[in-house]
Amino acid sequence: MSQTGARRPGASQAPRLSLVIPAHNEEARLPHSLPQAIEFAASFAGGAEILLVDNASTDRTRAIAEAAAAAHPELRVLAEPRRGKGAAVRRGALAARGAWVFFADADLSMPIEQILRFLPPALATDVAIASREAPGARRFGEPPGRHRLGRLFNWLVQVLALPGIRDSQCGFKCFRREVAHDLFARQVEDGWAFDVEILLLARRLGYQVVEVPIDWHYRQQSRVRPLRDGWEMALALLRIRRRHRGLAQRSRAPNRQE
């Protein structure tokens, strides 16, 4: 999973990549996933930082992360007391120093080396989102009923907010730093629907959004509760539509960066 030519950025040198990991009560997952992220970051060409955002955890999440950070300077631990994945990702994205900002679920249900699919030389765009539905994507282990519920919610997302986006909710997304700072500074939603708000804002502000097919492995301990969270997210979609209906869509000239 490593790249050659890696160098660790100094205190004054911005890294090429910022990896943001929101974490709420993840003491069971972090001992497995955090070493993978640290290994990837330590060997990443151009330098990488990890920003683990403790989102009001009541277990040992923060202690585990801080112990790892003491031994690995590429890892920073941030605290976000406001509950909600959207709040945690916003905290990390706005603190990111990397040229590219990538946020990832703490369970690493996407193999971490596939981050390279979102970055130059493989891809250079304003916003790149992982897709479990794009041609070439592969799913492993997901119960059929859960998949059908996900497809139903995506249909609603496309009707109300994001036509043509096949998978708005996969928890792996990449942004140019200046794009991330612009979008997350405007974000209001703190819950699961924050992805929809970010992507709607990106489109309305003229940023290019590209779906990237990935391999995705269903984790039994997923925190998403399809029925209850799906209903709450549907209500959030209506809020998002109302909130940003006055934001006129505009085009933007391509921005090339590596």
C-alpha atoms as a PDB file:
ATOM      1  CA  MET A   1       0.000   0.000   0.000  1.00  0.00           C
ATOM      2  CA  SER A   2       3.012   2.299   0.197  1.00  0.00           C
ATOM      3  CA  GLN A   3       4.412   4.709  -2.376  1.00  0.00           C
ATOM      4  CA  THR A   4       8.079   5.189  -3.058  1.00  0.00           C
ATOM      5  CA  GLY A   5       9.874   8.448  -2.450  1.00  0.00           C
ATOM      6  CA  ALA A   6       7.957   9.205   0.735  1.00  0.00           C
ATOM      7  CA  ARG A   7       8.974  12.095   2.951  1.00  0.00           C
ATOM      8  CA  ARG A   8       7.426  13.265   6.176  1.00  0.00           C
ATOM      9  CA  PRO A   9       6.442  16.944   6.143  1.00  0.00           C
ATOM     10  CA  GLY A  10       8.022  19.213   8.715  1.00  0.00           C
ATOM     11  CA  ALA A  11       6.086  21.551  10.926  1.00  0.00           C
ATOM     12  CA  SER A  12       6.202  24.343   8.314  1.00  0.00           C
ATOM     13  CA  GLN A  13       5.750  22.149   5.246  1.00  0.00           C
ATOM     14  CA  ALA A  14       2.189  21.410   4.216  1.00  0.00           C
ATOM     15  CA  PRO A  15       1.611  17.746   3.382  1.00  0.00           C
ATOM     16  CA  ARG A  16       0.225  16.616   0.057  1.00  0.00           C
ATOM     17  CA  LEU A  17      -2.655  14.737   1.723  1.00  0.00           C
ATOM     18  CA  SER A  18      -4.820  15.248   4.797  1.00  0.00           C
ATOM     19  CA  LEU A  19      -6.740  12.139   5.853  1.00  0.00           C
ATOM     20  CA  VAL A  20      -9.713  13.044   8.079  1.00  0.00           C
ATOM     21  CA  ILE A  21     -11.239  10.227  10.151  1.00  0.00           C
ATOM     22  CA  PRO A  22     -14.376  11.013  12.188  1.00  0.00           C
ATOM     23  CA  ALA A  23     -14.671   8.716  15.207  1.00  0.00           C
ATOM     24  CA  HIS A  24     -17.525   8.256  17.668  1.00  0.00           C
ATOM     25  CA  ASN A  25     -17.083   5.355  20.126  1.00  0.00           C
ATOM     26  CA  GLU A  26     -14.664   3.511  17.851  1.00  0.00           C
ATOM     27  CA  GLU A  27     -12.512   1.775  20.473  1.00  0.00           C
ATOM     28  CA  ALA A  28     -13.238  -1.632  18.881  1.00  0.00           C
ATOM     29  CA  ARG A  29     -12.265  -0.580  15.357  1.00  0.00           C
ATOM     30  CA  LEU A  30      -9.339   1.782  15.844  1.00  0.00           C
ATOM     31  CA  PRO A  31      -6.785  -0.857  16.942  1.00  0.00           C
ATOM     32  CA  HIS A  32      -7.302  -2.466  13.534  1.00  0.00           C
ATOM     33  CA  SER A  33      -7.859   0.516  11.237  1.00  0.00           C
ATOM     34  CA  LEU A  34      -5.614   3.205  12.735  1.00  0.00           C
ATOM     35  CA  PRO A  35      -2.330   1.305  12.169  1.00  0.00           C
ATOM     36  CA  GLN A  36      -3.328   0.879   8.522  1.00  0.00           C
ATOM     37  CA  ALA A  37      -3.915   4.612   8.178  1.00  0.00           C
ATOM     38  CA  ILE A  38      -0.637   5.432   9.920  1.00  0.00           C
ATOM     39  CA  GLU A  39       1.335   3.063   7.690  1.00  0.00           C
ATOM     40  CA  PHE A  40      -0.258   4.560   4.597  1.00  0.00           C
ATOM     41  CA  ALA A  41       0.383   8.147   5.732  1.00  0.00           C
ATOM     42  CA  ALA A  42       3.976   7.481   6.788  1.00  0.00           C
ATOM     43  CA  SER A  43       4.867   6.102   3.351  1.00  0.00           C
ATOM     44  CA  PHE A  44       2.801   8.483   1.233  1.00  0.00           C
ATOM     45  CA  ALA A  45       4.818  10.348  -1.414  1.00  0.00           C
ATOM     46  CA  GLY A  46       4.709  14.072  -0.700  1.00  0.00           C
ATOM     47  CA  GLY A  47       3.744  13.605   2.931  1.00  0.00           C
ATOM     48  CA  ALA A  48       0.418  12.994   4.637  1.00  0.00           C
ATOM     49  CA  GLU A  49      -1.229  13.904   7.904  1.00  0.00           C
ATOM     50  CA  ILE A  50      -4.048  12.098   9.692  1.00  0.00           C
ATOM     51  CA  LEU A  51      -6.647  14.119  11.569  1.00  0.00           C
ATOM     52  CA  LEU A  52      -8.673  11.846  13.797  1.00  0.00           C
ATOM     53  CA  VAL A  53     -11.683  13.746  15.101  1.00  0.00           C
ATOM     54  CA  ASP A  54     -13.084  12.385  18.351  1.00  0.00           C
ATOM     55  CA  ASN A  55     -16.801  13.080  18.116  1.00  0.00           C
ATOM     56  CA  ALA A  56     -18.006  13.155  21.735  1.00  0.00           C
ATOM     57  CA  SER A  57     -16.962   9.554  22.384  1.00  0.00           C
ATOM     58  CA  THR A  58     -17.769   7.992  25.750  1.00  0.00           C
ATOM     59  CA  ASP A  59     -15.425   5.021  25.381  1.00  0.00           C
ATOM     60  CA  ARG A  60     -11.625   4.809  24.941  1.00  0.00           C
ATOM     61  CA  THR A  61     -11.578   6.235  21.402  1.00  0.00           C
ATOM     62  CA  ARG A  62      -9.665   9.360  22.348  1.00  0.00           C
ATOM     63  CA  ALA A  63      -7.209   7.525  24.609  1.00  0.00           C
ATOM     64  CA  ILE A  64      -6.380   5.034  21.858  1.00  0.00           C
ATOM     65  CA  ALA A  65      -5.909   7.815  19.316  1.00  0.00           C
ATOM     66  CA  GLU A  66      -3.754   9.956  21.600  1.00  0.00           C
ATOM     67  CA  ALA A  67      -1.538   7.009  22.473  1.00  0.00           C
ATOM     68  CA  ALA A  68      -0.969   6.417  18.764  1.00  0.00           C
ATOM     69  CA  ALA A  69      -0.345  10.118  18.138  1.00  0.00           C
ATOM     70  CA  ALA A  70       2.375  10.162  20.801  1.00  0.00           C
ATOM     71  CA  ALA A  71       4.341   7.671  18.724  1.00  0.00           C
ATOM     72  CA  HIS A  72       3.393   8.909  15.260  1.00  0.00           C
ATOM     73  CA  PRO A  73       3.741  12.653  14.574  1.00  0.00           C
ATOM     74  CA  GLU A  74       1.759  12.380  11.334  1.00  0.00           C
ATOM     75  CA  LEU A  75      -1.361  11.773  13.470  1.00  0.00           C
ATOM     76  CA  ARG A  76      -3.252  14.658  15.093  1.00  0.00           C
ATOM     77  CA  VAL A  77      -6.213  14.137  17.422  1.00  0.00           C
ATOM     78  CA  LEU A  78      -8.959  16.778  17.358  1.00  0.00           C
ATOM     79  CA  ALA A  79     -12.097  17.018  19.488  1.00  0.00           C
ATOM     80  CA  GLU A  80     -15.574  17.872  18.236  1.00  0.00           C
ATOM     81  CA  PRO A  81     -18.069  17.969  21.132  1.00  0.00           C
ATOM     82  CA  ARG A  82     -21.085  18.478  18.882  1.00  0.00           C
ATOM     83  CA  ARG A  83     -22.566  15.082  18.017  1.00  0.00           C
ATOM     84  CA  GLY A  84     -22.879  14.098  14.373  1.00  0.00           C
ATOM     85  CA  LYS A  85     -20.651  12.768  11.624  1.00  0.00           C
ATOM     86  CA  GLY A  86     -21.123  15.982   9.654  1.00  0.00           C
ATOM     87  CA  ALA A  87     -19.851  18.060  12.561  1.00  0.00           C
ATOM     88  CA  ALA A  88     -16.797  15.825  12.983  1.00  0.00           C
ATOM     89  CA  VAL A  89     -15.869  15.840   9.293  1.00  0.00           C
ATOM     90  CA  ARG A  90     -16.291  19.618   9.137  1.00  0.00           C
ATOM     91  CA  ARG A  91     -13.930  20.035  12.105  1.00  0.00           C
ATOM     92  CA  GLY A  92     -11.260  17.953  10.417  1.00  0.00           C
ATOM     93  CA  ALA A  93     -11.698  19.381   6.922  1.00  0.00           C
ATOM     94  CA  LEU A  94     -11.367  22.978   8.084  1.00  0.00           C
ATOM     95  CA  ALA A  95      -8.208  22.101  10.043  1.00  0.00           C
ATOM     96  CA  ALA A  96      -6.609  20.207   7.155  1.00  0.00           C
ATOM     97  CA  ARG A  97      -3.337  21.502   5.728  1.00  0.00           C
ATOM     98  CA  GLY A  98      -2.913  19.085   2.828  1.00  0.00           C
ATOM     99  CA  ALA A  99      -3.276  19.990  -0.841  1.00  0.00           C
ATOM    100  CA  TRP A 100      -5.888  17.223  -0.962  1.00  0.00           C
ATOM    101  CA  VAL A 101      -8.378  16.515   1.823  1.00  0.00           C
ATOM    102  CA  PHE A 102      -9.784  12.998   2.024  1.00  0.00           C
ATOM    103  CA  PHE A 103     -12.254  11.853   4.656  1.00  0.00           C
ATOM    104  CA  ALA A 104     -12.706   8.187   5.478  1.00  0.00           C
ATOM    105  CA  ASP A 105     -14.919   6.132   7.769  1.00  0.00           C
ATOM    106  CA  ALA A 106     -13.133   4.715  10.799  1.00  0.00           C
ATOM    107  CA  ASP A 107     -13.922   1.127   9.785  1.00  0.00           C
ATOM    108  CA  LEU A 108     -11.944   1.508   6.517  1.00  0.00           C
ATOM    109  CA  SER A 109     -14.569  -0.466   4.620  1.00  0.00           C
ATOM    110  CA  MET A 110     -12.741   0.707   1.482  1.00  0.00           C
ATOM    111  CA  PRO A 111      -9.159  -0.650   1.255  1.00  0.00           C
ATOM    112  CA  ILE A 112      -6.981   2.289   2.183  1.00  0.00           C
ATOM    113  CA  GLU A 113      -4.646   1.930  -0.782  1.00  0.00           C
ATOM    114  CA  GLN A 114      -7.580   2.815  -3.043  1.00  0.00           C
ATOM    115  CA  ILE A 115      -7.182   6.425  -1.895  1.00  0.00           C
ATOM    116  CA  LEU A 116      -4.658   6.600  -4.742  1.00  0.00           C
ATOM    117  CA  ARG A 117      -7.567   6.341  -7.214  1.00  0.00           C
ATOM    118  CA  PHE A 118      -8.740   9.799  -6.083  1.00  0.00           C
ATOM    119  CA  LEU A 119      -5.423  11.647  -6.461  1.00  0.00           C
ATOM    120  CA  PRO A 120      -3.044  12.652  -9.245  1.00  0.00           C
ATOM    121  CA  PRO A 121      -1.807  11.068 -11.388  1.00  0.00           C
ATOM    122  CA  ALA A 122      -4.895   8.821 -11.406  1.00  0.00           C
ATOM    123  CA  LEU A 123      -7.341  11.726 -11.081  1.00  0.00           C
ATOM    124  CA  ALA A 124      -7.350  15.476 -10.516  1.00  0.00           C
ATOM    125  CA  THR A 125     -10.723  17.092  -9.913  1.00  0.00           C
ATOM    126  CA  ASP A 126     -12.395  19.406  -7.423  1.00  0.00           C
ATOM    127  CA  VAL A 127     -14.435  16.733  -5.638  1.00  0.00           C
ATOM    128  CA  ALA A 128     -14.071  12.961  -6.055  1.00  0.00           C
ATOM    129  CA  ILE A 129     -16.523  10.683  -4.249  1.00  0.00           C
ATOM    130  CA  ALA A 130     -16.299   6.958  -3.706  1.00  0.00           C
ATOM    131  CA  SER A 131     -19.104   5.051  -5.394  1.00  0.00           C
ATOM    132  CA  ARG A 132     -20.370   1.556  -4.693  1.00  0.00           C
ATOM    133  CA  GLU A 133     -22.629   1.828  -7.759  1.00  0.00           C
ATOM    134  CA  ALA A 134     -20.402   3.227 -10.520  1.00  0.00           C
ATOM    135  CA  PRO A 135     -19.241   0.814 -13.247  1.00  0.00           C
ATOM    136  CA  GLY A 136     -16.317  -1.211 -11.918  1.00  0.00           C
ATOM    137  CA  ALA A 137     -17.317  -0.937  -8.234  1.00  0.00           C
ATOM    138  CA  ARG A 138     -17.574  -4.103  -6.156  1.00  0.00           C
ATOM    139  CA  ARG A 139     -19.556  -4.783  -2.960  1.00  0.00           C
ATOM    140  CA  PHE A 140     -18.729  -7.547  -0.505  1.00  0.00           C
ATOM    141  CA  GLY A 141     -20.969  -8.988   2.188  1.00  0.00           C
ATOM    142  CA  GLU A 142     -23.838  -6.497   2.194  1.00  0.00           C
ATOM    143  CA  PRO A 143     -27.259  -7.957   3.118  1.00  0.00           C
ATOM    144  CA  PRO A 144     -29.679  -7.657   0.155  1.00  0.00           C
ATOM    145  CA  GLY A 145     -32.337  -5.878   2.225  1.00  0.00           C
ATOM    146  CA  ARG A 146     -29.894  -3.203   3.320  1.00  0.00           C
ATOM    147  CA  HIS A 147     -28.788  -2.675  -0.253  1.00  0.00           C
ATOM    148  CA  ARG A 148     -32.395  -2.212  -1.403  1.00  0.00           C
ATOM    149  CA  LEU A 149     -33.004   0.394   1.304  1.00  0.00           C
ATOM    150  CA  GLY A 150     -29.867   2.206   0.237  1.00  0.00           C
ATOM    151  CA  ARG A 151     -31.033   2.252  -3.365  1.00  0.00           C
ATOM    152  CA  LEU A 152     -34.402   3.632  -2.281  1.00  0.00           C
ATOM    153  CA  PHE A 153     -32.735   6.447  -0.381  1.00  0.00           C
ATOM    154  CA  ASN A 154     -30.453   7.213  -3.328  1.00  0.00           C
ATOM    155  CA  TRP A 155     -33.509   7.490  -5.578  1.00  0.00           C
ATOM    156  CA  LEU A 156     -34.898  10.077  -3.172  1.00  0.00           C
ATOM    157  CA  VAL A 157     -31.574  11.941  -3.113  1.00  0.00           C
ATOM    158  CA  GLN A 158     -31.507  12.065  -6.902  1.00  0.00           C
ATOM    159  CA  VAL A 159     -35.103  13.283  -7.117  1.00  0.00           C
ATOM    160  CA  LEU A 160     -34.729  15.994  -4.469  1.00  0.00           C
ATOM    161  CA  ALA A 161     -31.128  17.123  -4.656  1.00  0.00           C
ATOM    162  CA  LEU A 162     -28.487  15.328  -6.716  1.00  0.00           C
ATOM    163  CA  PRO A 163     -29.686  13.967 -10.066  1.00  0.00           C
ATOM    164  CA  GLY A 164     -27.118  11.659 -11.627  1.00  0.00           C
ATOM    165  CA  ILE A 165     -25.162  10.934  -8.427  1.00  0.00           C
ATOM    166  CA  ARG A 166     -25.424   7.173  -7.939  1.00  0.00           C
ATOM    167  CA  ASP A 167     -23.945   7.002  -4.429  1.00  0.00           C
ATOM    168  CA  SER A 168     -23.902  10.145  -2.309  1.00  0.00           C
ATOM    169  CA  GLN A 169     -23.502   8.389   1.034  1.00  0.00           C
ATOM    170  CA  CYS A 170     -20.336   6.322   0.747  1.00  0.00           C
ATOM    171  CA  GLY A 171     -18.031   7.547   3.503  1.00  0.00           C
ATOM    172  CA  PHE A 172     -14.917   8.212   1.409  1.00  0.00           C
ATOM    173  CA  LYS A 173     -14.572  11.557  -0.387  1.00  0.00           C
ATOM    174  CA  CYS A 174     -11.699  13.707  -1.647  1.00  0.00           C
ATOM    175  CA  PHE A 175     -11.441  17.473  -2.178  1.00  0.00           C
ATOM    176  CA  ARG A 176      -8.886  20.015  -3.238  1.00  0.00           C
ATOM    177  CA  ARG A 177      -7.992  21.866  -0.043  1.00  0.00           C
ATOM    178  CA  GLU A 178      -9.412  25.213  -1.153  1.00  0.00           C
ATOM    179  CA  VAL A 179     -12.618  23.493  -2.280  1.00  0.00           C
ATOM    180  CA  ALA A 180     -12.923  21.630   1.028  1.00  0.00           C
ATOM    181  CA  HIS A 181     -12.486  24.834   3.021  1.00  0.00           C
ATOM    182  CA  ASP A 182     -15.080  26.646   0.897  1.00  0.00           C
ATOM    183  CA  LEU A 183     -17.699  23.875   1.102  1.00  0.00           C
ATOM    184  CA  PHE A 184     -17.326  22.888   4.736  1.00  0.00           C
ATOM    185  CA  ALA A 185     -17.377  26.532   5.849  1.00  0.00           C
ATOM    186  CA  ARG A 186     -20.883  26.686   4.320  1.00  0.00           C
ATOM    187  CA  GLN A 187     -22.101  23.318   5.652  1.00  0.00           C
ATOM    188  CA  VAL A 188     -24.909  23.371   8.223  1.00  0.00           C
ATOM    189  CA  GLU A 189     -26.057  19.745   8.539  1.00  0.00           C
ATOM    190  CA  ASP A 190     -24.331  17.850  11.348  1.00  0.00           C
ATOM    191  CA  GLY A 191     -25.955  14.450  10.782  1.00  0.00           C
ATOM    192  CA  TRP A 192     -25.739  11.702   8.156  1.00  0.00           C
ATOM    193  CA  ALA A 193     -27.191  13.908   5.386  1.00  0.00           C
ATOM    194  CA  PHE A 194     -24.212  16.264   5.426  1.00  0.00           C
ATOM    195  CA  ASP A 195     -22.802  14.465   2.347  1.00  0.00           C
ATOM    196  CA  VAL A 196     -25.841  15.534   0.340  1.00  0.00           C
ATOM    197  CA  GLU A 197     -25.453  19.140   1.463  1.00  0.00           C
ATOM    198  CA  ILE A 198     -21.757  19.209   0.585  1.00  0.00           C
ATOM    199  CA  LEU A 199     -22.368  17.748  -2.879  1.00  0.00           C
ATOM    200  CA  LEU A 200     -25.324  20.051  -3.548  1.00  0.00           C
ATOM    201  CA  LEU A 201     -23.180  23.035  -2.576  1.00  0.00           C
ATOM    202  CA  ALA A 202     -20.348  21.773  -4.799  1.00  0.00           C
ATOM    203  CA  ARG A 203     -22.650  21.586  -7.803  1.00  0.00           C
ATOM    204  CA  ARG A 204     -24.307  24.926  -7.138  1.00  0.00           C
ATOM    205  CA  LEU A 205     -20.902  26.603  -6.763  1.00  0.00           C
ATOM    206  CA  GLY A 206     -19.651  25.132 -10.028  1.00  0.00           C
ATOM    207  CA  TYR A 207     -17.149  22.598  -8.710  1.00  0.00           C
ATOM    208  CA  GLN A 208     -16.575  19.419 -10.693  1.00  0.00           C
ATOM    209  CA  VAL A 209     -17.815  16.261  -8.938  1.00  0.00           C
ATOM    210  CA  VAL A 210     -16.620  12.827 -10.120  1.00  0.00           C
ATOM    211  CA  GLU A 211     -17.690   9.387  -8.876  1.00  0.00           C
ATOM    212  CA  VAL A 212     -14.866   6.864  -8.415  1.00  0.00           C
ATOM    213  CA  PRO A 213     -15.655   3.114  -8.326  1.00  0.00           C
ATOM    214  CA  ILE A 214     -14.253   1.308  -5.300  1.00  0.00           C
ATOM    215  CA  ASP A 215     -14.208  -2.059  -3.574  1.00  0.00           C
ATOM    216  CA  TRP A 216     -16.451  -1.818  -0.520  1.00  0.00           C
ATOM    217  CA  HIS A 217     -16.747  -4.315   2.331  1.00  0.00           C
ATOM    218  CA  TYR A 218     -19.836  -4.292   4.522  1.00  0.00           C
ATOM    219  CA  ARG A 219     -19.008  -4.149   8.250  1.00  0.00           C
ATOM    220  CA  GLN A 220     -21.443  -5.776  10.666  1.00  0.00           C
ATOM    221  CA  GLN A 221     -20.894  -3.005  13.214  1.00  0.00           C
ATOM    222  CA  SER A 222     -22.069  -0.247  10.843  1.00  0.00           C
ATOM    223  CA  ARG A 223     -23.593   2.638  12.826  1.00  0.00           C
ATOM    224  CA  VAL A 224     -26.165   3.475  10.152  1.00  0.00           C
ATOM    225  CA  ARG A 225     -29.678   2.321  11.142  1.00  0.00           C
ATOM    226  CA  PRO A 226     -31.426   2.155   7.761  1.00  0.00           C
ATOM    227  CA  LEU A 227     -35.025   2.681   8.894  1.00  0.00           C
ATOM    228  CA  ARG A 228     -34.642   5.345  11.590  1.00  0.00           C
ATOM    229  CA  ASP A 229     -31.689   7.126  10.008  1.00  0.00           C
ATOM    230  CA  GLY A 230     -33.313   6.895   6.568  1.00  0.00           C
ATOM    231  CA  TRP A 231     -36.394   8.759   7.819  1.00  0.00           C
ATOM    232  CA  GLU A 232     -34.270  11.423   9.499  1.00  0.00           C
ATOM    233  CA  MET A 233     -32.183  11.814   6.361  1.00  0.00           C
ATOM    234  CA  ALA A 234     -35.302  12.212   4.213  1.00  0.00           C
ATOM    235  CA  LEU A 235     -36.382  15.121   6.418  1.00  0.00           C
ATOM    236  CA  ALA A 236     -32.871  16.533   6.177  1.00  0.00           C
ATOM    237  CA  LEU A 237     -33.073  16.451   2.369  1.00  0.00           C
ATOM    238  CA  LEU A 238     -36.065  18.766   2.510  1.00  0.00           C
ATOM    239  CA  ARG A 239     -34.212  21.108   4.867  1.00  0.00           C
ATOM    240  CA  ILE A 240     -31.185  21.169   2.545  1.00  0.00           C
ATOM    241  CA  ARG A 241     -33.339  21.970  -0.490  1.00  0.00           C
ATOM    242  CA  ARG A 242     -34.994  24.874   1.326  1.00  0.00           C
ATOM    243  CA  ARG A 243     -31.760  26.161   2.796  1.00  0.00           C
ATOM    244  CA  HIS A 244     -29.862  26.425  -0.481  1.00  0.00           C
ATOM    245  CA  ARG A 245     -32.609  27.089  -3.003  1.00  0.00           C
ATOM    246  CA  GLY A 246     -31.455  30.686  -3.385  1.00  0.00           C
ATOM    247  CA  LEU A 247     -27.905  29.635  -4.303  1.00  0.00           C
ATOM    248  CA  ALA A 248     -27.824  29.921  -8.090  1.00  0.00           C
ATOM    249  CA  GLN A 249     -25.812  27.324  -9.958  1.00  0.00           C
ATOM    250  CA  ARG A 250     -22.768  28.735 -11.700  1.00  0.00           C
ATOM    251  CA  SER A 251     -19.994  27.386 -13.849  1.00  0.00           C
ATOM    252  CA  ARG A 252     -16.354  27.514 -12.868  1.00  0.00           C
ATOM    253  CA  ALA A 253     -13.236  27.257 -14.977  1.00  0.00           C
ATOM    254  CA  PRO A 254     -11.243  24.037 -14.496  1.00  0.00           C
ATOM    255  CA  ASN A 255      -8.536  24.280 -11.847  1.00  0.00           C
ATOM    256  CA  ARG A 256      -5.480  22.131 -12.503  1.00  0.00           C
ATOM    257  CA  GLN A 257      -3.387  21.035  -9.515  1.00  0.00           C
ATOM    258  CA  GLU A 258      -1.263  18.107  -8.490  1.00  0.00           C
END
